[in-house]
Amino acid sequence: MKALRLALHAWGRYWAHQEMGKGHANRSACDKFGEPIAYGSGVVHELTVPKHVAVIDKLVEKLTPNCRRAIRAHYVCKGNWALLGFDSKKSYIYWLRRAEIALA
């Protein structure tokens, strides 16, 4: 269980970092605005996910929706369970423990 939680913490840090951004933009907003016109509308920026994060992603995808929300609330959102729609902390803890047991 300890190894699983360490892996989930690393997974959560990675996704929290991706959602927060990586600091200041390297291009201006006006420059980005003209990109679809200059390069076509099919511009896609793909994210290369590290292998250890992709493995955890696949495991988390198999969980029930409430378990996925609890895992995300705890490991990505740093325990802000109310942000993800849980009614109480007791409910959040129940789904978190159930998710961790399912992943173990």
C-alpha atoms as a PDB file:
ATOM      1  CA  MET A   1       0.000   0.000   0.000  1.00  0.00           C
ATOM      2  CA  LYS A   2       2.912   2.315   0.802  1.00  0.00           C
ATOM      3  CA  ALA A   3       4.459   1.853  -2.663  1.00  0.00           C
ATOM      4  CA  LEU A   4       1.066   2.455  -4.286  1.00  0.00           C
ATOM      5  CA  ARG A   5       0.592   5.714  -2.390  1.00  0.00           C
ATOM      6  CA  LEU A   6       4.099   6.888  -3.346  1.00  0.00           C
ATOM      7  CA  ALA A   7       3.322   6.168  -7.013  1.00  0.00           C
ATOM      8  CA  LEU A   8      -0.018   7.982  -6.731  1.00  0.00           C
ATOM      9  CA  HIS A   9       1.689  11.011  -5.155  1.00  0.00           C
ATOM     10  CA  ALA A  10       4.152  11.163  -8.074  1.00  0.00           C
ATOM     11  CA  TRP A  11       1.230  10.809 -10.514  1.00  0.00           C
ATOM     12  CA  GLY A  12      -0.698  13.565  -8.737  1.00  0.00           C
ATOM     13  CA  ARG A  13       2.292  15.933  -8.703  1.00  0.00           C
ATOM     14  CA  TYR A  14       2.776  15.413 -12.442  1.00  0.00           C
ATOM     15  CA  TRP A  15      -0.851  16.187 -13.314  1.00  0.00           C
ATOM     16  CA  ALA A  16      -1.070  19.103 -10.872  1.00  0.00           C
ATOM     17  CA  HIS A  17       2.047  20.574 -12.500  1.00  0.00           C
ATOM     18  CA  GLN A  18       0.527  20.104 -15.974  1.00  0.00           C
ATOM     19  CA  GLU A  19      -2.736  21.781 -14.943  1.00  0.00           C
ATOM     20  CA  MET A  20      -0.995  24.715 -13.259  1.00  0.00           C
ATOM     21  CA  GLY A  21       1.264  25.393 -16.219  1.00  0.00           C
ATOM     22  CA  LYS A  22       4.984  25.723 -16.359  1.00  0.00           C
ATOM     23  CA  GLY A  23       5.436  29.412 -15.669  1.00  0.00           C
ATOM     24  CA  HIS A  24       5.363  32.278 -18.124  1.00  0.00           C
ATOM     25  CA  ALA A  25       4.437  31.679 -21.738  1.00  0.00           C
ATOM     26  CA  ASN A  26       7.272  31.628 -24.223  1.00  0.00           C
ATOM     27  CA  ARG A  27       5.085  33.348 -26.844  1.00  0.00           C
ATOM     28  CA  SER A  28       2.724  36.278 -26.642  1.00  0.00           C
ATOM     29  CA  ALA A  29      -1.053  35.795 -26.651  1.00  0.00           C
ATOM     30  CA  CYS A  30      -1.287  37.706 -29.943  1.00  0.00           C
ATOM     31  CA  ASP A  31       1.239  35.388 -31.545  1.00  0.00           C
ATOM     32  CA  LYS A  32      -0.750  32.336 -30.434  1.00  0.00           C
ATOM     33  CA  PHE A  33      -3.972  33.930 -31.672  1.00  0.00           C
ATOM     34  CA  GLY A  34      -2.625  34.050 -35.240  1.00  0.00           C
ATOM     35  CA  GLU A  35      -1.419  30.440 -35.199  1.00  0.00           C
ATOM     36  CA  PRO A  36      -4.556  28.764 -36.649  1.00  0.00           C
ATOM     37  CA  ILE A  37      -4.556  31.210 -39.540  1.00  0.00           C
ATOM     38  CA  ALA A  38      -0.857  30.785 -40.267  1.00  0.00           C
ATOM     39  CA  TYR A  39      -0.652  27.018 -39.798  1.00  0.00           C
ATOM     40  CA  GLY A  40      -4.234  25.861 -40.403  1.00  0.00           C
ATOM     41  CA  SER A  41      -6.927  24.917 -37.931  1.00  0.00           C
ATOM     42  CA  GLY A  42      -5.575  21.409 -37.345  1.00  0.00           C
ATOM     43  CA  VAL A  43      -2.785  22.485 -35.000  1.00  0.00           C
ATOM     44  CA  VAL A  44      -2.538  19.939 -32.195  1.00  0.00           C
ATOM     45  CA  HIS A  45      -0.178  20.122 -29.256  1.00  0.00           C
ATOM     46  CA  GLU A  46       0.345  16.623 -27.896  1.00  0.00           C
ATOM     47  CA  LEU A  47       1.529  16.010 -24.392  1.00  0.00           C
ATOM     48  CA  THR A  48       4.142  13.309 -23.933  1.00  0.00           C
ATOM     49  CA  VAL A  49       3.230  11.568 -20.705  1.00  0.00           C
ATOM     50  CA  PRO A  50       5.998   9.675 -18.852  1.00  0.00           C
ATOM     51  CA  LYS A  51       5.581   5.903 -18.769  1.00  0.00           C
ATOM     52  CA  HIS A  52       5.095   5.650 -14.978  1.00  0.00           C
ATOM     53  CA  VAL A  53       2.298   8.256 -15.171  1.00  0.00           C
ATOM     54  CA  ALA A  54       0.628   6.495 -18.116  1.00  0.00           C
ATOM     55  CA  VAL A  55       0.561   3.229 -16.155  1.00  0.00           C
ATOM     56  CA  ILE A  56      -1.244   4.897 -13.237  1.00  0.00           C
ATOM     57  CA  ASP A  57      -3.611   6.646 -15.701  1.00  0.00           C
ATOM     58  CA  LYS A  58      -4.695   3.274 -17.115  1.00  0.00           C
ATOM     59  CA  LEU A  59      -5.278   1.853 -13.638  1.00  0.00           C
ATOM     60  CA  VAL A  60      -7.298   4.894 -12.523  1.00  0.00           C
ATOM     61  CA  GLU A  61      -9.433   4.784 -15.699  1.00  0.00           C
ATOM     62  CA  LYS A  62     -10.706   1.335 -14.678  1.00  0.00           C
ATOM     63  CA  LEU A  63     -12.108   2.625 -11.367  1.00  0.00           C
ATOM     64  CA  THR A  64     -15.685   3.730 -10.748  1.00  0.00           C
ATOM     65  CA  PRO A  65     -16.415   7.462 -11.206  1.00  0.00           C
ATOM     66  CA  ASN A  66     -16.559   8.158  -7.450  1.00  0.00           C
ATOM     67  CA  CYS A  67     -13.249   6.369  -6.894  1.00  0.00           C
ATOM     68  CA  ARG A  68     -11.632   8.370  -9.710  1.00  0.00           C
ATOM     69  CA  ARG A  69     -12.941  11.629  -8.207  1.00  0.00           C
ATOM     70  CA  ALA A  70     -11.579  10.698  -4.773  1.00  0.00           C
ATOM     71  CA  ILE A  71      -8.153   9.774  -6.169  1.00  0.00           C
ATOM     72  CA  ARG A  72      -8.048  13.042  -8.111  1.00  0.00           C
ATOM     73  CA  ALA A  73      -9.202  15.077  -5.097  1.00  0.00           C
ATOM     74  CA  HIS A  74      -6.542  13.584  -2.836  1.00  0.00           C
ATOM     75  CA  TYR A  75      -3.521  13.289  -5.092  1.00  0.00           C
ATOM     76  CA  VAL A  76      -3.987  16.078  -7.672  1.00  0.00           C
ATOM     77  CA  CYS A  77      -6.099  18.659  -5.810  1.00  0.00           C
ATOM     78  CA  LYS A  78      -4.289  18.162  -2.479  1.00  0.00           C
ATOM     79  CA  GLY A  79      -7.335  17.002  -0.528  1.00  0.00           C
ATOM     80  CA  ASN A  80      -9.811  19.687  -1.638  1.00  0.00           C
ATOM     81  CA  TRP A  81     -12.685  17.209  -1.678  1.00  0.00           C
ATOM     82  CA  ALA A  82     -15.399  19.869  -1.846  1.00  0.00           C
ATOM     83  CA  LEU A  83     -14.113  21.039  -5.240  1.00  0.00           C
ATOM     84  CA  LEU A  84     -14.916  17.666  -6.764  1.00  0.00           C
ATOM     85  CA  GLY A  85     -18.478  17.474  -5.470  1.00  0.00           C
ATOM     86  CA  PHE A  86     -18.253  15.273  -2.380  1.00  0.00           C
ATOM     87  CA  ASP A  87     -20.978  15.948   0.201  1.00  0.00           C
ATOM     88  CA  SER A  88     -18.778  15.334   3.223  1.00  0.00           C
ATOM     89  CA  LYS A  89     -15.255  14.459   4.216  1.00  0.00           C
ATOM     90  CA  LYS A  90     -16.499  11.080   5.425  1.00  0.00           C
ATOM     91  CA  SER A  91     -17.822  10.273   1.944  1.00  0.00           C
ATOM     92  CA  TYR A  92     -14.569  11.433   0.347  1.00  0.00           C
ATOM     93  CA  ILE A  93     -12.470   9.248   2.692  1.00  0.00           C
ATOM     94  CA  TYR A  94     -14.726   6.236   2.028  1.00  0.00           C
ATOM     95  CA  TRP A  95     -14.297   6.506  -1.751  1.00  0.00           C
ATOM     96  CA  LEU A  96     -10.576   7.214  -1.436  1.00  0.00           C
ATOM     97  CA  ARG A  97      -9.968   4.083   0.662  1.00  0.00           C
ATOM     98  CA  ARG A  98     -12.125   2.010  -1.673  1.00  0.00           C
ATOM     99  CA  ALA A  99     -10.135   3.277  -4.676  1.00  0.00           C
ATOM    100  CA  GLU A 100      -6.782   2.582  -3.023  1.00  0.00           C
ATOM    101  CA  ILE A 101      -7.873  -0.962  -2.136  1.00  0.00           C
ATOM    102  CA  ALA A 102      -9.054  -1.528  -5.724  1.00  0.00           C
ATOM    103  CA  LEU A 103      -5.697  -0.347  -7.061  1.00  0.00           C
ATOM    104  CA  ALA A 104      -3.631  -2.444  -4.636  1.00  0.00           C
END
